[in-house]
């Protein structure tokens, strides 16, 4: 039975891909700089006789053809980049690169897809269709490696009938999986604002354009733009996370810089909000005698899980790990460039539990102490291989 063979191979090869994870974790690379990681992935695929192409400089796209290759096509995706974080874990495989760490689990994702690809290659005479392996760069940074790969044709020849991606979940116990149909993650846009005006002595604000005051009013007004215009049943958040202006106690600066992020769960509201932000921010700043430069860097779209594909994936996952181990994923205001894929082909982005409270493995992603219970790697390999081999989109 295919399911049992996949379980057996995941159990057999699991320790090897824990070691792969250790290698990747110790040698992290930032977004769009994953040259060593890409080479490592290519060498792993070569060992298994899996053909591949390199796209978007560091992306690696492999192909496994089962029986009747044209009958169905499933893409499996893993991201490869790390974050600019200094690791604080005391482990043998601690990052060797100062200020760079796999703090979001992309080393885990890559290891799992490598393991799943080995399983699928060995069992390719026992399932139908073509499996496309997508080892993707640059998930952590605009414009998103997914968008670059799409421009280079990753969703063509063959076009996937469905695409699966996973992400470690540090709030979910190891051994558990979670899925959700519909919108599961938010869009993400970056906001950059400069408020400009005449600076001068802080003892004579009447001779200046008080840019600090103007920018302060703007921060408050931006929150009201969102809270008073969006549908309260549609989650959305705007956070100004940087306010830079001035350098001493007695000088009003000539400019203040603001940076922040805007998240939404509705694409129509997302772009309406952009227009409101531009219009109302410009009006407020100019009414107070200052000038404004405002740029909204349009980022990732919402992650939209296809209902049909998600339903079939849940059934397959329950068959593989047991119904009691498959839960519903919560909606998140975090973002993922996997969303680009899901607006072009049916997609399913699911979560893999990696938390183990008894072992003290509880730190969240994007923290210096992020880690996982590595028994999740065997589970992740098996589930991804099973989804790729069995789900009919």
Protein backbone atom coordinates (compact mmCIF):
# COMPACT_ATOMS: atom_id res chain seq x y z
CA UNK A 1 0.00 0.00 0.00
CA UNK A 2 1.46 3.35 -1.07
CA UNK A 3 0.66 5.10 2.20
CA UNK A 4 2.51 2.47 4.23
CA UNK A 5 5.50 2.55 1.90
CA UNK A 6 5.72 6.34 2.28
CA UNK A 7 5.52 6.02 6.07
CA UNK A 8 8.27 3.39 6.03
CA UNK A 9 10.59 5.48 3.87
CA UNK A 10 9.96 8.62 5.94
CA UNK A 11 10.89 6.65 9.06
CA UNK A 12 13.97 5.22 7.33
CA UNK A 13 15.27 8.50 5.94
CA UNK A 14 14.08 10.85 8.68
CA UNK A 15 17.41 10.94 10.58
CA UNK A 16 19.29 11.72 7.37
CA UNK A 17 17.13 14.78 6.75
CA UNK A 18 17.49 15.92 10.34
CA UNK A 19 21.21 16.03 9.52
CA UNK A 20 20.39 17.95 6.33
CA UNK A 21 18.47 20.44 8.46
CA UNK A 22 21.51 20.82 10.74
CA UNK A 23 23.70 21.63 7.75
CA UNK A 24 21.26 24.19 6.40
CA UNK A 25 20.67 25.73 9.83
CA UNK A 26 24.40 26.17 10.39
CA UNK A 27 24.86 27.83 7.00
CA UNK A 28 21.98 30.30 6.57
CA UNK A 29 21.79 32.80 3.72
CA UNK A 30 19.66 35.92 3.40
CA UNK A 31 16.98 36.48 0.78
CA UNK A 32 18.24 36.37 -2.82
CA UNK A 33 21.70 35.34 -1.58
CA UNK A 34 20.98 31.61 -1.23
CA UNK A 35 23.78 30.53 -3.57
CA UNK A 36 25.33 27.86 -1.30
CA UNK A 37 21.92 26.61 -0.27
CA UNK A 38 20.84 26.37 -3.91
CA UNK A 39 24.01 24.45 -4.80
CA UNK A 40 23.40 22.08 -1.86
CA UNK A 41 19.83 21.42 -3.03
CA UNK A 42 21.04 20.81 -6.59
CA UNK A 43 23.60 18.27 -5.34
CA UNK A 44 20.95 16.48 -3.32
CA UNK A 45 18.69 16.18 -6.36
CA UNK A 46 21.59 14.97 -8.51
CA UNK A 47 22.22 12.16 -6.01
CA UNK A 48 18.66 10.95 -6.52
CA UNK A 49 18.70 11.33 -10.29
CA UNK A 50 16.01 14.01 -10.21
CA UNK A 51 16.28 16.46 -13.14
CA UNK A 52 16.09 20.15 -12.30
CA UNK A 53 16.50 23.70 -13.59
CA UNK A 54 17.81 26.82 -11.86
CA UNK A 55 15.59 29.91 -12.13
CA UNK A 56 15.62 33.37 -10.56
CA UNK A 57 19.36 32.84 -9.91
CA UNK A 58 18.98 30.58 -6.87
CA UNK A 59 15.61 28.86 -7.28
CA UNK A 60 15.73 25.14 -8.04
CA UNK A 61 12.86 23.46 -9.90
CA UNK A 62 12.84 19.66 -10.00
CA UNK A 63 10.57 17.23 -11.84
CA UNK A 64 9.52 13.71 -10.88
CA UNK A 65 7.40 11.85 -13.40
CA UNK A 66 5.20 9.03 -12.16
CA UNK A 67 2.95 6.83 -14.25
CA UNK A 68 0.92 8.70 -16.88
CA UNK A 69 2.83 11.99 -16.34
CA UNK A 70 0.20 14.09 -18.10
CA UNK A 71 -2.72 12.88 -16.01
CA UNK A 72 -2.17 15.26 -13.08
CA UNK A 73 0.48 17.74 -11.97
CA UNK A 74 1.17 18.68 -8.37
CA UNK A 75 3.69 21.30 -7.22
CA UNK A 76 5.37 21.08 -3.81
CA UNK A 77 7.09 24.23 -2.55
CA UNK A 78 9.70 25.02 0.08
CA UNK A 79 11.41 28.35 0.77
CA UNK A 80 15.15 28.55 1.47
CA UNK A 81 16.11 31.99 2.83
CA UNK A 82 17.05 33.03 6.37
CA UNK A 83 16.64 36.19 8.45
CA UNK A 84 19.00 38.93 9.72
CA UNK A 85 18.86 37.69 13.34
CA UNK A 86 21.71 36.71 15.66
CA UNK A 87 21.08 33.19 16.94
CA UNK A 88 21.08 32.61 20.70
CA UNK A 89 20.53 28.84 20.75
CA UNK A 90 23.33 26.74 22.26
CA UNK A 91 23.26 23.83 19.82
CA UNK A 92 25.92 22.03 17.77
CA UNK A 93 24.32 23.24 14.55
CA UNK A 94 24.12 26.90 15.61
CA UNK A 95 24.43 29.42 12.79
CA UNK A 96 28.01 30.00 11.72
CA UNK A 97 27.13 33.32 10.10
CA UNK A 98 27.15 36.40 12.27
CA UNK A 99 23.77 38.07 12.35
CA UNK A 100 22.06 35.54 10.08
CA UNK A 101 19.75 32.75 11.29
CA UNK A 102 17.13 30.33 10.06
CA UNK A 103 14.65 31.80 12.51
CA UNK A 104 11.53 31.08 10.44
CA UNK A 105 12.06 27.40 9.72
CA UNK A 106 12.93 27.57 6.06
CA UNK A 107 15.78 25.14 6.74
CA UNK A 108 13.09 22.75 7.97
CA UNK A 109 10.90 23.33 4.91
CA UNK A 110 13.80 22.69 2.53
CA UNK A 111 14.87 19.54 4.39
CA UNK A 112 11.31 18.20 4.32
CA UNK A 113 10.90 18.79 0.59
CA UNK A 114 14.26 17.15 -0.10
CA UNK A 115 13.16 14.16 1.95
CA UNK A 116 9.75 14.03 0.28
CA UNK A 117 11.38 14.22 -3.16
CA UNK A 118 13.58 11.23 -2.33
CA UNK A 119 10.54 9.22 -1.27
CA UNK A 120 8.56 10.21 -4.37
CA UNK A 121 11.47 9.39 -6.69
CA UNK A 122 11.76 5.91 -5.19
CA UNK A 123 8.02 5.30 -5.48
CA UNK A 124 7.37 7.02 -8.82
CA UNK A 125 6.09 3.84 -10.45
CA UNK A 126 3.33 3.66 -7.83
CA UNK A 127 1.52 6.97 -8.37
CA UNK A 128 0.20 8.84 -11.38
CA UNK A 129 1.15 12.25 -12.66
CA UNK A 130 4.03 14.69 -12.42
CA UNK A 131 5.46 16.24 -9.28
CA UNK A 132 7.08 19.66 -9.60
CA UNK A 133 9.52 20.51 -6.80
CA UNK A 134 9.91 24.23 -6.10
CA UNK A 135 12.84 25.26 -3.90
CA UNK A 136 12.21 28.98 -3.70
CA UNK A 137 14.42 31.95 -2.80
CA UNK A 138 13.47 35.20 -1.13
CA UNK A 139 10.23 34.56 0.75
CA UNK A 140 11.19 37.01 3.50
CA UNK A 141 11.68 40.07 1.34
CA UNK A 142 9.78 41.98 -1.34
CA UNK A 143 9.06 41.39 -4.14
CA UNK A 144 9.03 37.75 -2.99
CA UNK A 145 10.82 34.89 -4.69
CA UNK A 146 7.48 33.40 -5.69
CA UNK A 147 6.74 36.41 -7.90
CA UNK A 148 10.15 36.09 -9.57
CA UNK A 149 9.74 32.39 -10.24
CA UNK A 150 6.25 32.94 -11.64
CA UNK A 151 7.66 35.52 -14.07
CA UNK A 152 10.18 32.90 -15.16
CA UNK A 153 7.47 30.34 -15.87
CA UNK A 154 7.50 28.11 -12.79
CA UNK A 155 3.75 27.52 -13.14
CA UNK A 156 4.03 26.38 -16.75
CA UNK A 157 5.23 23.23 -18.54
CA UNK A 158 3.45 21.63 -16.83
CA UNK A 159 0.99 23.97 -15.15
CA UNK A 160 0.20 22.50 -11.72
CA UNK A 161 -3.35 21.35 -11.05
CA UNK A 162 -2.60 22.18 -7.41
CA UNK A 163 0.24 23.44 -5.26
CA UNK A 164 1.08 22.57 -1.65
CA UNK A 165 3.29 24.46 0.77
CA UNK A 166 3.87 24.00 4.48
CA UNK A 167 5.09 26.16 7.33
CA UNK A 168 6.30 25.22 10.78
CA UNK A 169 3.88 26.23 13.53
CA UNK A 170 5.51 26.96 16.88
CA UNK A 171 2.14 27.11 18.64
CA UNK A 172 1.12 23.64 17.48
CA UNK A 173 2.43 20.51 19.26
CA UNK A 174 4.67 18.21 17.28
CA UNK A 175 2.66 15.47 15.60
CA UNK A 176 -0.20 17.82 14.71
CA UNK A 177 -1.10 19.43 11.37
CA UNK A 178 -3.53 22.25 10.65
CA UNK A 179 -5.39 23.34 7.53
CA UNK A 180 -7.89 26.07 6.66
CA UNK A 181 -10.03 26.75 3.61
CA UNK A 182 -10.34 30.21 2.08
CA UNK A 183 -8.26 33.23 3.12
CA UNK A 184 -5.72 32.03 5.65
CA UNK A 185 -3.06 34.78 5.70
CA UNK A 186 -3.09 38.53 5.04
CA UNK A 187 -1.70 40.69 2.29
CA UNK A 188 1.32 42.77 3.31
CA UNK A 189 2.33 46.22 2.06
CA UNK A 190 5.08 48.51 3.32
CA UNK A 191 4.50 52.22 3.90
CA UNK A 192 7.27 54.82 3.73
CA UNK A 193 6.50 58.47 4.57
CA UNK A 194 8.67 61.58 4.86
CA UNK A 195 7.18 64.72 6.38
CA UNK A 196 9.13 67.82 5.35
CA UNK A 197 9.07 71.42 6.54
CA UNK A 198 11.13 74.35 7.78
CA UNK A 199 13.21 73.36 10.79
CA UNK A 200 14.48 75.66 13.47
CA UNK A 201 14.99 76.39 17.16
CA UNK A 202 12.68 74.45 19.48
CA UNK A 203 12.26 77.60 21.60
CA UNK A 204 10.60 79.32 18.64
CA UNK A 205 8.26 76.75 17.08
CA UNK A 206 6.19 79.55 15.53
CA UNK A 207 9.06 80.19 13.11
CA UNK A 208 9.13 76.56 11.96
CA UNK A 209 6.93 73.90 10.46
CA UNK A 210 6.86 71.55 13.42
CA UNK A 211 7.44 68.28 11.56
CA UNK A 212 7.41 66.26 14.80
CA UNK A 213 3.92 67.54 15.62
CA UNK A 214 2.68 67.04 12.07
CA UNK A 215 4.03 63.49 11.95
CA UNK A 216 2.48 62.74 15.34
CA UNK A 217 -0.94 63.84 14.11
CA UNK A 218 -0.41 61.72 11.03
CA UNK A 219 0.29 58.56 13.02
CA UNK A 220 -3.01 58.99 14.89
CA UNK A 221 -4.92 59.85 11.72
CA UNK A 222 -3.63 56.77 9.90
CA UNK A 223 -5.14 54.55 12.57
CA UNK A 224 -8.48 56.30 12.19
CA UNK A 225 -8.40 55.88 8.41
CA UNK A 226 -8.36 52.12 8.90
CA UNK A 227 -10.69 51.80 11.88
CA UNK A 228 -13.41 54.11 10.51
CA UNK A 229 -13.46 52.95 6.90
CA UNK A 230 -13.00 49.18 6.85
CA UNK A 231 -15.74 46.64 7.41
CA UNK A 232 -15.34 45.63 11.08
CA UNK A 233 -15.83 41.99 10.05
CA UNK A 234 -12.82 42.16 7.73
CA UNK A 235 -9.53 41.95 9.67
CA UNK A 236 -7.04 44.69 8.81
CA UNK A 237 -4.16 46.35 10.60
CA UNK A 238 -1.87 49.31 10.02
CA UNK A 239 1.18 49.64 12.25
CA UNK A 240 3.68 52.49 12.15
CA UNK A 241 6.81 50.80 13.42
CA UNK A 242 9.45 53.49 12.92
CA UNK A 243 9.37 57.22 13.75
CA UNK A 244 12.69 58.93 13.00
CA UNK A 245 13.17 62.65 13.43
CA UNK A 246 15.40 65.02 15.31
CA UNK A 247 18.78 64.54 16.92
CA UNK A 248 18.89 66.89 19.92
CA UNK A 249 16.64 68.60 22.49
CA UNK A 250 16.45 72.10 21.07
CA UNK A 251 16.11 71.67 17.31
CA UNK A 252 12.92 70.99 15.38
CA UNK A 253 14.05 68.87 12.42
CA UNK A 254 13.30 69.69 8.81
CA UNK A 255 12.04 66.18 8.15
CA UNK A 256 10.61 63.15 9.92
CA UNK A 257 10.54 59.67 8.46
CA UNK A 258 7.84 57.09 9.20
CA UNK A 259 7.75 53.43 8.21
CA UNK A 260 5.09 50.83 8.75
CA UNK A 261 3.10 47.90 7.45
CA UNK A 262 -0.47 47.53 6.25
CA UNK A 263 -2.21 44.13 6.33
CA UNK A 264 -5.61 43.10 5.01
CA UNK A 265 -7.66 39.97 4.39
CA UNK A 266 -9.64 41.45 1.49
CA UNK A 267 -7.95 42.46 -1.76
CA UNK A 268 -10.61 45.00 -2.73
CA UNK A 269 -10.42 46.79 0.62
CA UNK A 270 -6.62 46.57 0.51
CA UNK A 271 -6.31 48.82 -2.54
CA UNK A 272 -9.14 51.13 -1.47
CA UNK A 273 -7.22 51.62 1.77
CA UNK A 274 -4.11 52.56 -0.22
CA UNK A 275 -6.06 55.35 -1.91
CA UNK A 276 -7.47 56.57 1.42
CA UNK A 277 -4.02 56.59 3.02
CA UNK A 278 -2.55 58.63 0.17
CA UNK A 279 -5.44 61.10 0.00
CA UNK A 280 -5.98 61.71 3.70
CA UNK A 281 -2.31 61.70 4.70
CA UNK A 282 -1.49 64.25 2.00
CA UNK A 283 -4.43 66.44 2.98
CA UNK A 284 -3.58 66.41 6.68
CA UNK A 285 0.13 67.14 6.25
CA UNK A 286 -0.41 69.92 3.73
CA UNK A 287 -3.14 71.49 5.88
CA UNK A 288 -0.56 71.82 8.66
CA UNK A 289 1.91 73.58 6.37
CA UNK A 290 4.25 70.68 5.66
CA UNK A 291 5.07 68.59 2.62
CA UNK A 292 4.83 64.83 2.27
CA UNK A 293 6.54 62.10 0.28
CA UNK A 294 4.54 58.88 0.55
CA UNK A 295 5.32 55.52 -1.02
CA UNK A 296 3.36 52.31 -0.58
CA UNK A 297 5.43 49.29 -1.61
CA UNK A 298 2.81 46.77 -2.72
CA UNK A 299 3.79 43.39 -1.33
CA UNK A 300 2.31 39.92 -1.06
CA UNK A 301 -1.37 39.18 -1.72
CA UNK A 302 -3.56 37.21 0.67
CA UNK A 303 -2.95 33.46 0.85
CA UNK A 304 -6.10 31.89 -0.54
CA UNK A 305 -6.53 28.17 0.11
CA UNK A 306 -8.70 26.49 -2.53
CA UNK A 307 -11.72 24.91 -0.82
CA UNK A 308 -11.75 21.74 -2.93
CA UNK A 309 -8.01 21.14 -2.68
CA UNK A 310 -7.98 21.91 1.03
CA UNK A 311 -10.83 19.45 1.68
CA UNK A 312 -9.00 16.68 -0.15
CA UNK A 313 -5.74 17.51 1.60
CA UNK A 314 -7.40 17.33 5.00
CA UNK A 315 -8.83 13.90 4.17
CA UNK A 316 -5.43 12.69 2.99
CA UNK A 317 -3.68 14.08 6.07
CA UNK A 318 -6.23 12.44 8.38
CA UNK A 319 -5.62 9.12 6.65
CA UNK A 320 -1.88 9.53 7.13
CA UNK A 321 -1.56 10.85 10.71
CA UNK A 322 -5.01 10.23 12.18
CA UNK A 323 -8.07 12.45 12.43
CA UNK A 324 -7.20 13.51 15.97
CA UNK A 325 -3.94 15.03 14.72
CA UNK A 326 -5.44 17.28 12.04
CA UNK A 327 -6.81 20.62 13.26
CA UNK A 328 -8.06 23.88 11.75
CA UNK A 329 -5.51 26.62 11.25
CA UNK A 330 -6.34 30.02 12.69
CA UNK A 331 -6.43 33.05 10.39
CA UNK A 332 -3.20 35.06 10.64
CA UNK A 333 -2.28 38.65 9.85
CA UNK A 334 1.17 37.42 8.91
CA UNK A 335 1.94 37.23 5.20
CA UNK A 336 3.51 34.72 2.82
CA UNK A 337 4.49 35.05 -0.80
CA UNK A 338 2.93 31.62 -1.32
CA UNK A 339 -0.14 33.82 -1.90
CA UNK A 340 1.11 34.62 -5.40
CA UNK A 341 0.79 30.97 -6.38
CA UNK A 342 -2.70 30.63 -4.87
CA UNK A 343 -4.12 33.40 -7.07
CA UNK A 344 -3.02 31.55 -10.21
CA UNK A 345 -3.52 27.84 -9.42
CA UNK A 346 -5.42 26.01 -6.67
CA UNK A 347 -3.29 26.12 -3.54
CA UNK A 348 -3.15 24.66 -0.06
CA UNK A 349 -0.84 26.16 2.56
CA UNK A 350 -0.83 24.13 5.77
CA UNK A 351 0.92 24.09 9.14
CA UNK A 352 3.24 21.52 10.71
CA UNK A 353 3.44 21.39 14.49
CA UNK A 354 6.98 21.70 15.88
CA UNK A 355 6.38 22.72 19.52
CA UNK A 356 7.39 20.52 22.45
CA UNK A 357 6.76 22.17 25.82
CA UNK A 358 8.36 19.33 27.78
CA UNK A 359 11.64 19.89 25.94
CA UNK A 360 11.37 23.67 26.24
CA UNK A 361 10.89 24.10 22.49
CA UNK A 362 8.38 26.93 22.60
CA UNK A 363 10.03 30.00 21.03
CA UNK A 364 8.20 31.68 18.18
CA UNK A 365 9.44 32.24 14.65
CA UNK A 366 11.57 35.34 13.98
CA UNK A 367 13.15 35.09 17.45
CA UNK A 368 16.83 34.36 18.32
CA UNK A 369 15.83 31.16 20.18
CA UNK A 370 13.54 29.62 17.57
CA UNK A 371 13.96 25.86 17.27
CA UNK A 372 11.87 22.76 16.56
CA UNK A 373 11.24 19.26 17.82
CA UNK A 374 13.01 17.53 14.96
CA UNK A 375 10.72 14.52 14.98
CA UNK A 376 8.51 16.86 12.94
CA UNK A 377 10.82 16.37 9.96
CA UNK A 378 9.89 12.71 9.51
CA UNK A 379 6.22 13.63 9.79
CA UNK A 380 6.61 16.53 7.36
CA UNK A 381 8.43 14.41 4.78
CA UNK A 382 5.80 11.70 4.88
CA UNK A 383 2.82 14.04 4.72
CA UNK A 384 4.21 16.10 1.86
CA UNK A 385 5.09 13.00 -0.16
CA UNK A 386 1.63 11.53 0.52
CA UNK A 387 -0.16 14.72 -0.52
CA UNK A 388 1.89 14.93 -3.69
CA UNK A 389 1.28 11.30 -4.60
CA UNK A 390 -2.35 10.86 -3.60
CA UNK A 391 -4.42 14.06 -3.73
CA UNK A 392 -6.55 14.49 -6.84
CA UNK A 393 -7.07 18.26 -7.44
